N, C-alpha and C. Protein backbone atom coordinates (compact mmCIF):
# COMPACT_ATOMS: atom_id res chain seq x y z
N UNK A 1 -2.52 -10.03 9.10
CA UNK A 1 -3.65 -9.61 8.31
C UNK A 1 -3.20 -9.34 6.88
N UNK A 2 -4.06 -9.73 5.95
CA UNK A 2 -3.73 -9.55 4.55
C UNK A 2 -5.00 -9.26 3.75
N UNK A 3 -4.82 -8.84 2.52
CA UNK A 3 -5.96 -8.55 1.64
C UNK A 3 -6.81 -9.80 1.50
N UNK A 4 -8.13 -9.64 1.63
CA UNK A 4 -9.06 -10.76 1.52
C UNK A 4 -9.50 -11.33 2.85
N UNK A 5 -8.87 -10.93 3.95
CA UNK A 5 -9.25 -11.43 5.27
C UNK A 5 -10.56 -10.80 5.73
N UNK A 6 -11.39 -11.62 6.39
CA UNK A 6 -12.62 -11.14 7.01
C UNK A 6 -12.26 -10.66 8.41
N UNK A 7 -12.68 -9.44 8.75
CA UNK A 7 -12.29 -8.86 10.03
C UNK A 7 -13.52 -8.33 10.79
N UNK A 8 -13.30 -8.03 12.07
CA UNK A 8 -14.31 -7.39 12.91
C UNK A 8 -13.69 -6.12 13.49
N UNK A 9 -14.46 -5.05 13.47
CA UNK A 9 -14.04 -3.76 14.01
C UNK A 9 -14.08 -3.81 15.54
N UNK A 10 -12.99 -3.46 16.21
CA UNK A 10 -12.96 -3.49 17.67
C UNK A 10 -13.07 -2.11 18.29
N UNK A 11 -13.17 -1.08 17.47
CA UNK A 11 -13.30 0.29 17.97
C UNK A 11 -14.39 1.01 17.20
N UNK A 12 -15.37 1.52 17.91
CA UNK A 12 -16.47 2.25 17.26
C UNK A 12 -15.96 3.57 16.68
N UNK A 13 -16.55 3.97 15.57
CA UNK A 13 -16.26 5.27 14.97
C UNK A 13 -17.53 5.78 14.31
N UNK A 14 -17.49 6.96 13.80
CA UNK A 14 -18.66 7.58 13.20
C UNK A 14 -19.21 6.73 12.05
N UNK A 15 -20.41 6.20 12.21
CA UNK A 15 -21.06 5.40 11.19
C UNK A 15 -20.67 3.94 11.14
N UNK A 16 -19.65 3.54 11.89
CA UNK A 16 -19.21 2.14 11.92
C UNK A 16 -19.16 1.68 13.39
N UNK A 17 -20.22 1.02 13.87
CA UNK A 17 -20.23 0.59 15.27
C UNK A 17 -19.22 -0.53 15.56
N UNK A 18 -18.86 -0.64 16.81
CA UNK A 18 -17.98 -1.72 17.26
C UNK A 18 -18.64 -3.06 16.92
N UNK A 19 -17.85 -4.00 16.40
CA UNK A 19 -18.37 -5.32 16.06
C UNK A 19 -18.77 -5.48 14.60
N UNK A 20 -18.74 -4.40 13.83
CA UNK A 20 -19.09 -4.47 12.41
C UNK A 20 -18.05 -5.31 11.67
N UNK A 21 -18.52 -6.18 10.78
CA UNK A 21 -17.61 -7.03 10.02
C UNK A 21 -17.32 -6.42 8.66
N UNK A 22 -16.14 -6.74 8.14
CA UNK A 22 -15.75 -6.21 6.84
C UNK A 22 -14.68 -7.07 6.20
N UNK A 23 -14.26 -6.65 5.02
CA UNK A 23 -13.28 -7.37 4.22
C UNK A 23 -12.13 -6.42 3.90
N UNK A 24 -10.90 -6.87 4.12
CA UNK A 24 -9.73 -6.04 3.79
C UNK A 24 -9.58 -6.02 2.28
N UNK A 25 -9.59 -4.81 1.69
CA UNK A 25 -9.48 -4.69 0.24
C UNK A 25 -8.17 -4.04 -0.20
N UNK A 26 -7.43 -3.47 0.74
CA UNK A 26 -6.14 -2.87 0.40
C UNK A 26 -5.29 -2.77 1.66
N UNK A 27 -3.98 -2.79 1.50
CA UNK A 27 -3.04 -2.73 2.62
C UNK A 27 -1.90 -1.81 2.20
N UNK A 28 -1.63 -0.77 2.99
CA UNK A 28 -0.56 0.17 2.65
C UNK A 28 0.38 0.33 3.83
N UNK A 29 1.66 0.29 3.54
CA UNK A 29 2.66 0.52 4.57
C UNK A 29 2.84 2.02 4.75
N UNK A 30 2.87 2.45 5.99
CA UNK A 30 3.01 3.88 6.28
C UNK A 30 4.45 4.34 6.06
N UNK A 31 4.60 5.63 6.11
CA UNK A 31 5.95 6.19 6.18
C UNK A 31 6.47 5.91 7.59
N UNK A 32 7.65 6.32 7.91
CA UNK A 32 8.18 6.07 9.25
C UNK A 32 7.30 6.73 10.29
N UNK A 33 7.12 6.05 11.40
CA UNK A 33 6.18 6.50 12.41
C UNK A 33 6.85 7.10 13.64
N UNK A 34 8.13 6.93 13.77
CA UNK A 34 8.78 7.40 14.98
C UNK A 34 10.15 7.96 14.71
N UNK A 35 10.93 8.03 15.76
CA UNK A 35 12.25 8.62 15.63
C UNK A 35 13.25 7.70 14.93
N UNK A 36 12.89 6.43 14.82
CA UNK A 36 13.77 5.47 14.14
C UNK A 36 13.22 5.17 12.76
N UNK A 37 14.08 5.05 11.79
CA UNK A 37 13.65 4.85 10.41
C UNK A 37 12.95 3.52 10.18
N UNK A 38 13.15 2.54 11.06
CA UNK A 38 12.54 1.23 10.84
C UNK A 38 11.15 1.10 11.48
N UNK A 39 10.64 2.13 12.12
CA UNK A 39 9.31 2.08 12.72
C UNK A 39 8.28 2.47 11.69
N UNK A 40 7.44 1.53 11.29
CA UNK A 40 6.36 1.80 10.37
C UNK A 40 5.19 0.88 10.72
N UNK A 41 4.05 1.11 10.10
CA UNK A 41 2.87 0.31 10.39
C UNK A 41 2.04 0.21 9.12
N UNK A 42 1.04 -0.68 9.14
CA UNK A 42 0.15 -0.85 7.98
C UNK A 42 -1.18 -0.18 8.26
N UNK A 43 -1.75 0.38 7.20
CA UNK A 43 -3.10 0.93 7.24
C UNK A 43 -3.92 0.08 6.27
N UNK A 44 -5.06 -0.42 6.76
CA UNK A 44 -5.90 -1.32 5.97
C UNK A 44 -7.15 -0.59 5.50
N UNK A 45 -7.50 -0.79 4.23
CA UNK A 45 -8.74 -0.25 3.71
C UNK A 45 -9.78 -1.36 3.80
N UNK A 46 -10.91 -1.06 4.42
CA UNK A 46 -11.92 -2.05 4.73
C UNK A 46 -13.21 -1.74 3.97
N UNK A 47 -13.79 -2.77 3.33
CA UNK A 47 -15.14 -2.68 2.77
C UNK A 47 -16.06 -3.29 3.81
N UNK A 48 -16.93 -2.48 4.39
CA UNK A 48 -17.81 -2.92 5.47
C UNK A 48 -18.99 -3.71 4.91
N UNK A 49 -19.30 -4.85 5.52
CA UNK A 49 -20.39 -5.71 5.07
C UNK A 49 -21.73 -5.09 5.45
N UNK A 50 -22.70 -5.20 4.54
CA UNK A 50 -24.03 -4.68 4.80
C UNK A 50 -24.16 -3.18 4.61
N UNK A 51 -23.13 -2.54 4.17
CA UNK A 51 -23.15 -1.10 3.95
C UNK A 51 -22.72 -0.84 2.51
N UNK A 52 -23.66 -0.40 1.71
CA UNK A 52 -23.39 -0.18 0.29
C UNK A 52 -22.41 0.98 0.10
N UNK A 53 -21.37 0.74 -0.66
CA UNK A 53 -20.37 1.75 -1.00
C UNK A 53 -19.73 2.38 0.25
N UNK A 54 -19.53 1.59 1.27
CA UNK A 54 -18.94 2.10 2.51
C UNK A 54 -17.59 1.43 2.75
N UNK A 55 -16.55 2.23 2.78
CA UNK A 55 -15.24 1.71 3.13
C UNK A 55 -14.48 2.80 3.89
N UNK A 56 -13.52 2.35 4.66
CA UNK A 56 -12.71 3.28 5.45
C UNK A 56 -11.37 2.65 5.73
N UNK A 57 -10.49 3.42 6.32
CA UNK A 57 -9.14 2.93 6.65
C UNK A 57 -9.02 2.75 8.15
N UNK A 58 -8.35 1.68 8.52
CA UNK A 58 -8.13 1.36 9.93
C UNK A 58 -6.72 0.82 10.11
N UNK A 59 -6.24 0.95 11.34
CA UNK A 59 -4.95 0.35 11.71
C UNK A 59 -5.22 -1.02 12.33
N UNK A 60 -4.21 -1.87 12.37
CA UNK A 60 -4.35 -3.24 12.86
C UNK A 60 -4.86 -3.28 14.30
N UNK A 61 -4.50 -2.29 15.11
CA UNK A 61 -4.95 -2.30 16.51
C UNK A 61 -6.46 -2.18 16.67
N UNK A 62 -7.16 -1.74 15.59
CA UNK A 62 -8.60 -1.56 15.63
C UNK A 62 -9.36 -2.71 14.97
N UNK A 63 -8.64 -3.76 14.56
CA UNK A 63 -9.26 -4.86 13.83
C UNK A 63 -8.94 -6.21 14.46
N UNK A 64 -9.82 -7.17 14.21
CA UNK A 64 -9.63 -8.53 14.69
C UNK A 64 -10.00 -9.47 13.54
N UNK A 65 -9.09 -10.38 13.19
CA UNK A 65 -9.34 -11.34 12.12
C UNK A 65 -10.33 -12.38 12.61
N UNK A 66 -11.32 -12.70 11.77
CA UNK A 66 -12.35 -13.70 12.10
C UNK A 66 -11.97 -15.01 11.42
N UNK A 67 -11.92 -16.06 12.21
CA UNK A 67 -11.67 -17.39 11.66
C UNK A 67 -10.28 -17.72 11.52
């Protein structure tokens, strides 16, 4: 996944139902996530389609690339 990809939300959350489509507008690498220094993950900032001024952050496990 990269900036500009069209995605679908696979996990419902407050105000963003499962299946909502969006566009990745930012990608940030996390700090270390575990006991080993090389464990890290990306957090994606999503602009949700059909929702004015609505964006949120999600992890890759909650997203699915479309197309």
